[in-house]
N, C-alpha and C. Protein backbone atom coordinates (compact mmCIF):
# COMPACT_ATOMS: atom_id res chain seq x y z
N MET A 1 0.95 -1.06 0.14
CA MET A 1 -0.18 0.09 0.07
C MET A 1 0.77 1.32 -0.01
N ALA A 2 2.03 1.19 0.65
CA ALA A 2 2.77 2.44 0.60
C ALA A 2 3.41 3.08 -0.60
N GLU A 3 3.33 1.82 -1.51
CA GLU A 3 4.15 2.12 -2.79
C GLU A 3 2.98 2.88 -3.79
N LYS A 4 1.66 2.52 -3.90
CA LYS A 4 0.78 3.20 -4.46
C LYS A 4 0.53 4.67 -4.06
N LYS A 5 0.63 5.03 -2.83
CA LYS A 5 0.31 6.43 -2.72
C LYS A 5 1.52 7.36 -3.48
N PRO A 6 3.03 6.97 -3.51
CA PRO A 6 3.89 7.96 -4.16
C PRO A 6 3.54 7.84 -5.65
N ALA A 7 3.23 6.72 -6.20
CA ALA A 7 2.74 6.47 -7.52
C ALA A 7 1.38 7.41 -8.04
N SER A 8 0.72 7.26 -7.19
CA SER A 8 -0.61 8.07 -7.28
C SER A 8 -0.25 9.70 -7.02
N ALA A 9 0.54 9.99 -6.23
CA ALA A 9 0.95 11.31 -5.98
C ALA A 9 1.38 11.73 -7.34
N GLU A 10 2.54 10.98 -7.68
CA GLU A 10 3.41 11.20 -9.13
C GLU A 10 2.12 11.44 -10.17
N ARG A 11 1.19 10.63 -10.44
CA ARG A 11 0.25 10.78 -11.41
C ARG A 11 -0.52 12.02 -11.52
N GLN A 12 -0.94 12.32 -9.87
CA GLN A 12 -1.70 13.69 -9.96
C GLN A 12 -1.04 15.03 -10.40
N ARG A 13 0.50 14.83 -9.72
CA ARG A 13 1.32 15.79 -9.96
C ARG A 13 1.58 15.82 -11.67
N LYS A 14 1.77 14.72 -12.40
CA LYS A 14 1.75 14.96 -13.96
C LYS A 14 0.54 15.47 -14.56
N ARG A 15 -0.69 15.20 -13.94
CA ARG A 15 -1.98 15.64 -14.32
C ARG A 15 -2.32 17.05 -14.25
N ALA A 16 -1.53 17.42 -13.07
CA ALA A 16 -1.80 19.07 -12.73
C ALA A 16 -0.59 19.69 -13.69
N GLU A 17 0.33 19.32 -13.97
CA GLU A 17 1.33 19.85 -15.10
C GLU A 17 0.68 19.78 -16.36
N LYS A 18 -0.02 18.82 -16.76
CA LYS A 18 -0.62 18.69 -18.17
C LYS A 18 -1.72 19.76 -18.22
N ARG A 19 -2.55 19.96 -17.15
CA ARG A 19 -3.37 20.71 -17.21
C ARG A 19 -3.11 22.17 -17.02
N SER A 20 -1.98 22.45 -16.54
CA SER A 20 -1.40 23.92 -16.44
C SER A 20 -0.87 24.21 -17.97
N ALA A 21 -0.31 23.10 -18.53
CA ALA A 21 0.37 23.35 -19.66
C ALA A 21 -0.81 23.50 -21.01
N ASP A 22 -1.95 22.71 -20.74
CA ASP A 22 -3.13 23.03 -21.56
C ASP A 22 -3.68 24.42 -21.44
N VAL A 23 -3.74 24.89 -20.19
CA VAL A 23 -4.33 26.28 -20.00
C VAL A 23 -3.59 27.33 -20.57
N GLU A 24 -2.41 27.16 -20.53
CA GLU A 24 -1.34 27.91 -21.12
C GLU A 24 -1.40 28.01 -22.68
N ALA A 25 -1.22 26.88 -23.11
CA ALA A 25 -1.45 26.70 -24.56
C ALA A 25 -2.71 27.44 -25.06
N ASN A 26 -3.88 27.04 -24.37
CA ASN A 26 -5.44 27.56 -24.70
C ASN A 26 -5.28 29.15 -24.70
N GLN A 27 -4.52 29.77 -23.54
CA GLN A 27 -4.34 31.26 -23.50
C GLN A 27 -3.73 31.77 -24.73
N LEU A 28 -2.48 31.12 -25.14
CA LEU A 28 -1.77 31.56 -26.29
C LEU A 28 -2.65 31.50 -27.61
N VAL A 29 -3.49 30.41 -27.70
CA VAL A 29 -4.18 30.47 -28.95
C VAL A 29 -5.26 31.51 -28.91
N ASP A 30 -6.03 31.76 -27.79
CA ASP A 30 -6.95 32.66 -27.48
C ASP A 30 -6.43 34.21 -27.74
N GLU A 31 -4.99 34.56 -27.43
CA GLU A 31 -4.46 35.71 -27.40
C GLU A 31 -4.09 35.71 -28.85
N GLY A 32 -3.87 34.86 -29.51
CA GLY A 32 -3.39 35.00 -31.11
C GLY A 32 -4.74 35.26 -32.05
N PHE A 33 -5.67 34.57 -31.45
CA PHE A 33 -6.93 34.67 -32.23
C PHE A 33 -7.53 36.15 -31.82
N CYS A 34 -7.76 36.34 -30.76
CA CYS A 34 -8.36 37.82 -30.42
C CYS A 34 -7.49 38.74 -30.69
N GLY A 35 -6.31 38.80 -30.38
CA GLY A 35 -5.35 39.97 -30.63
C GLY A 35 -5.50 40.95 -29.33
N LYS A 36 -4.89 42.04 -29.60
CA LYS A 36 -5.06 43.07 -28.50
C LYS A 36 -6.34 43.75 -28.76
N PRO A 37 -6.66 44.36 -27.50
CA PRO A 37 -8.09 45.01 -27.30
C PRO A 37 -8.10 46.05 -28.35
N PRO A 38 -9.36 46.45 -28.91
CA PRO A 38 -9.46 47.41 -29.90
C PRO A 38 -9.51 48.92 -29.42
N GLU A 39 -9.00 49.70 -30.12
CA GLU A 39 -8.60 51.16 -29.61
C GLU A 39 -10.02 51.99 -29.78
N LYS A 40 -10.47 52.70 -28.89
CA LYS A 40 -11.57 53.46 -28.87
C LYS A 40 -11.36 54.93 -29.58
N LEU A 41 -11.96 55.28 -30.65
CA LEU A 41 -11.65 56.50 -31.14
C LEU A 41 -12.94 57.49 -30.84
N GLY A 42 -12.55 58.41 -29.85
CA GLY A 42 -13.75 59.38 -29.43
C GLY A 42 -14.70 58.45 -28.84
N ASN A 43 -16.01 58.28 -29.03
CA ASN A 43 -17.03 57.65 -28.52
C ASN A 43 -17.40 56.33 -29.23
N SER A 44 -16.54 55.85 -30.35
CA SER A 44 -16.89 54.64 -31.07
C SER A 44 -15.45 53.74 -31.40
N TYR A 45 -15.78 52.81 -32.17
CA TYR A 45 -14.43 52.14 -32.74
C TYR A 45 -14.63 52.13 -34.20
N LEU A 46 -13.37 52.41 -34.70
CA LEU A 46 -13.54 52.53 -36.21
C LEU A 46 -13.81 51.35 -37.11
N GLY A 47 -13.64 50.19 -36.46
CA GLY A 47 -14.11 48.92 -37.17
C GLY A 47 -15.74 48.74 -36.90
N ALA A 48 -16.24 49.17 -35.86
CA ALA A 48 -17.70 48.91 -35.61
C ALA A 48 -18.26 49.92 -36.56
N GLU A 49 -17.87 51.11 -36.70
CA GLU A 49 -18.55 51.87 -37.49
C GLU A 49 -18.69 51.57 -38.98
N ASN A 50 -17.19 51.16 -39.49
CA ASN A 50 -17.36 50.58 -40.94
C ASN A 50 -18.19 49.31 -41.13
N ILE A 51 -18.37 48.29 -40.18
CA ILE A 51 -19.48 47.13 -40.37
C ILE A 51 -20.71 47.87 -40.45
N ALA A 52 -21.05 48.82 -39.54
CA ALA A 52 -22.53 49.40 -39.45
C ALA A 52 -22.91 49.82 -40.78
N GLU A 53 -21.82 50.75 -41.28
CA GLU A 53 -22.13 51.32 -42.53
C GLU A 53 -22.24 50.35 -43.75
N GLN A 54 -21.61 49.42 -43.69
CA GLN A 54 -21.54 48.25 -44.80
C GLN A 54 -23.02 47.76 -44.79
N ALA A 55 -23.62 47.48 -43.44
CA ALA A 55 -24.82 46.81 -43.31
C ALA A 55 -26.09 47.82 -43.55
N ALA A 56 -25.91 49.18 -43.54
CA ALA A 56 -27.00 50.15 -43.39
C ALA A 56 -27.48 50.25 -44.86
N ASN A 57 -28.82 50.70 -44.75
CA ASN A 57 -29.63 51.02 -46.15
C ASN A 57 -28.97 52.25 -46.53
N ASP A 58 -28.70 53.08 -45.74
CA ASP A 58 -28.04 54.32 -46.42
C ASP A 58 -26.69 54.65 -45.57
N PRO A 59 -25.65 54.30 -45.96
CA PRO A 59 -24.20 54.24 -45.36
C PRO A 59 -23.86 55.67 -44.88
N GLY A 60 -24.21 56.63 -45.63
CA GLY A 60 -23.93 58.05 -45.06
C GLY A 60 -24.73 58.38 -43.97
N SER A 61 -25.92 57.73 -43.64
CA SER A 61 -26.48 58.35 -42.51
C SER A 61 -26.10 58.01 -41.14
N VAL A 62 -25.18 56.86 -41.00
CA VAL A 62 -24.89 56.35 -39.88
C VAL A 62 -23.97 57.23 -39.10
N ASP A 63 -24.64 57.56 -37.77
CA ASP A 63 -23.99 58.44 -36.94
C ASP A 63 -23.89 57.81 -35.46
N PHE A 64 -22.86 57.49 -35.04
CA PHE A 64 -22.43 56.89 -33.58
C PHE A 64 -22.87 57.76 -32.61
N VAL A 65 -23.46 57.44 -31.63
CA VAL A 65 -23.74 58.19 -30.18
C VAL A 65 -22.73 57.63 -29.31
N ALA A 66 -22.64 56.58 -29.15
CA ALA A 66 -21.60 56.14 -28.12
C ALA A 66 -21.52 54.54 -28.18
N CYS A 67 -20.16 53.95 -27.73
CA CYS A 67 -20.11 52.56 -27.48
C CYS A 67 -19.55 52.38 -26.15
N SER A 68 -19.86 51.05 -25.58
CA SER A 68 -19.23 50.66 -24.38
C SER A 68 -17.85 50.37 -24.48
N ASP A 69 -17.14 50.31 -23.56
CA ASP A 69 -15.74 49.66 -23.57
C ASP A 69 -15.82 48.60 -24.00
N ALA A 70 -14.62 48.03 -24.79
CA ALA A 70 -14.76 46.52 -25.25
C ALA A 70 -14.39 45.53 -23.92
N ILE A 71 -14.92 44.53 -24.02
CA ILE A 71 -15.20 43.42 -23.02
C ILE A 71 -14.37 42.22 -23.63
N LYS A 72 -13.61 41.65 -22.97
CA LYS A 72 -13.00 40.43 -23.34
C LYS A 72 -13.82 39.15 -23.05
N GLU A 73 -14.22 38.52 -23.83
CA GLU A 73 -15.11 37.31 -24.08
C GLU A 73 -14.52 36.13 -24.69
N PRO A 74 -14.93 34.74 -24.33
CA PRO A 74 -14.16 33.89 -24.83
C PRO A 74 -14.18 33.78 -26.53
N MET A 75 -13.47 32.82 -26.99
CA MET A 75 -13.54 32.65 -28.48
C MET A 75 -14.97 32.29 -29.11
N PRO A 76 -15.49 32.59 -30.13
CA PRO A 76 -14.89 33.31 -31.24
C PRO A 76 -15.20 34.92 -31.16
N ALA A 77 -16.04 35.04 -30.06
CA ALA A 77 -16.42 36.68 -29.97
C ALA A 77 -15.18 37.52 -29.68
N CYS A 78 -14.42 37.35 -28.74
CA CYS A 78 -13.21 37.85 -28.51
C CYS A 78 -13.51 39.13 -27.58
N TRP A 79 -13.33 40.20 -28.59
CA TRP A 79 -13.68 41.60 -27.85
C TRP A 79 -15.15 42.04 -28.11
N THR A 80 -15.85 42.42 -27.41
CA THR A 80 -17.31 42.72 -27.67
C THR A 80 -17.50 44.16 -27.07
N THR A 81 -18.43 44.94 -27.83
CA THR A 81 -18.89 46.27 -27.41
C THR A 81 -20.48 46.42 -27.75
N TYR A 82 -21.09 47.29 -27.19
CA TYR A 82 -22.48 47.57 -27.46
C TYR A 82 -22.36 49.05 -27.87
N CYS A 83 -22.91 49.40 -29.19
CA CYS A 83 -22.82 50.59 -29.68
C CYS A 83 -24.37 51.08 -29.89
N LYS A 84 -24.47 52.25 -29.80
CA LYS A 84 -25.66 53.03 -29.95
C LYS A 84 -25.45 54.10 -31.31
N PHE A 85 -26.21 53.91 -32.34
CA PHE A 85 -25.97 54.96 -33.41
C PHE A 85 -27.49 55.15 -34.03
N ARG A 86 -27.39 56.10 -34.86
CA ARG A 86 -28.64 56.40 -35.59
C ARG A 86 -28.21 56.01 -37.12
N ALA A 87 -29.26 55.76 -37.81
CA ALA A 87 -29.16 55.45 -39.16
C ALA A 87 -30.58 55.42 -39.86
N LYS A 88 -30.74 55.69 -41.01
CA LYS A 88 -31.88 55.68 -41.70
C LYS A 88 -32.25 54.25 -42.19
N ASN A 89 -33.63 53.96 -41.85
CA ASN A 89 -34.04 52.72 -42.40
C ASN A 89 -34.44 52.60 -43.71
N GLY A 90 -35.07 51.61 -44.02
CA GLY A 90 -35.64 51.17 -45.51
C GLY A 90 -36.71 52.24 -45.84
N PHE A 91 -37.29 52.93 -45.19
CA PHE A 91 -38.38 54.09 -45.39
C PHE A 91 -37.75 55.53 -45.24
N GLY A 92 -36.53 55.52 -45.11
CA GLY A 92 -35.78 56.98 -44.92
C GLY A 92 -35.97 57.49 -43.66
N ALA A 93 -36.47 56.71 -42.64
CA ALA A 93 -36.72 57.44 -41.24
C ALA A 93 -35.48 57.26 -40.48
N LEU A 94 -34.97 58.17 -39.80
CA LEU A 94 -33.80 57.92 -38.97
C LEU A 94 -34.17 57.34 -37.62
N VAL A 95 -33.65 56.35 -37.22
CA VAL A 95 -33.94 55.30 -36.19
C VAL A 95 -32.55 54.94 -35.33
N LEU A 96 -33.08 55.08 -33.91
CA LEU A 96 -31.62 54.81 -33.04
C LEU A 96 -31.60 53.17 -32.82
N GLU A 97 -30.43 52.79 -32.95
CA GLU A 97 -30.26 51.12 -32.78
C GLU A 97 -29.20 50.98 -32.00
N ILE A 98 -29.17 49.94 -31.23
CA ILE A 98 -28.24 49.64 -30.26
C ILE A 98 -27.93 48.17 -30.95
N ARG A 99 -26.77 48.02 -31.26
CA ARG A 99 -25.92 46.57 -31.65
C ARG A 99 -24.68 46.26 -30.91
N LYS A 100 -24.85 44.84 -30.58
CA LYS A 100 -23.49 44.25 -30.18
C LYS A 100 -22.49 44.08 -31.22
N PHE A 101 -21.18 44.56 -31.18
CA PHE A 101 -20.40 43.98 -32.21
C PHE A 101 -19.31 43.44 -31.67
N SER A 102 -18.63 42.44 -32.24
CA SER A 102 -17.27 41.82 -31.70
C SER A 102 -16.36 41.89 -32.70
N LYS A 103 -15.05 41.71 -32.04
CA LYS A 103 -13.71 42.00 -32.74
C LYS A 103 -12.78 40.71 -32.75
N SER A 104 -12.28 40.15 -33.55
CA SER A 104 -11.16 39.20 -33.40
C SER A 104 -10.00 39.44 -34.52
N SER A 105 -9.12 38.64 -34.49
CA SER A 105 -8.01 38.84 -35.52
C SER A 105 -8.65 38.86 -37.01
N ILE A 106 -9.83 38.07 -37.05
CA ILE A 106 -10.47 38.25 -38.64
C ILE A 106 -11.06 39.36 -38.73
N GLY A 107 -11.18 40.35 -37.95
CA GLY A 107 -12.01 41.53 -37.93
C GLY A 107 -13.13 41.82 -37.30
N TRP A 108 -13.80 42.66 -37.59
CA TRP A 108 -15.11 43.27 -36.89
C TRP A 108 -16.46 42.40 -37.63
N ARG A 109 -17.38 42.26 -36.90
CA ARG A 109 -18.85 41.83 -37.05
C ARG A 109 -19.60 42.12 -36.24
N ILE A 110 -21.12 42.19 -36.71
CA ILE A 110 -22.31 42.45 -35.86
C ILE A 110 -22.59 41.11 -35.23
N ALA A 111 -22.42 41.09 -33.78
CA ALA A 111 -22.88 39.98 -32.98
C ALA A 111 -24.25 39.67 -32.93
N LYS A 112 -24.82 38.58 -32.75
CA LYS A 112 -26.07 38.04 -32.65
C LYS A 112 -26.44 38.08 -31.32
């Protein structure tokens, strides 16, 4: 019985080392995919503005009011922010929208 305890302790130590290595590897992958936090320009993020304009009925009508600070979330969302902006809808009326945007190394997107 005395021999099993050291072997068991050794196995537990090896498992703990492997878990630690797995956590570090996942963090490196996450950092590589997510990249650095986006930079806020005034009250919004340039990437979020570009995506909103691409999706808008009238791209020239998009006017950002404010965006929250970017928050780190698990992949694939990575960096997320909520932005409030005005834009013309399909009928030409100016409407206020609040959308969630996410950013990773592959770019910005409107989150669902």
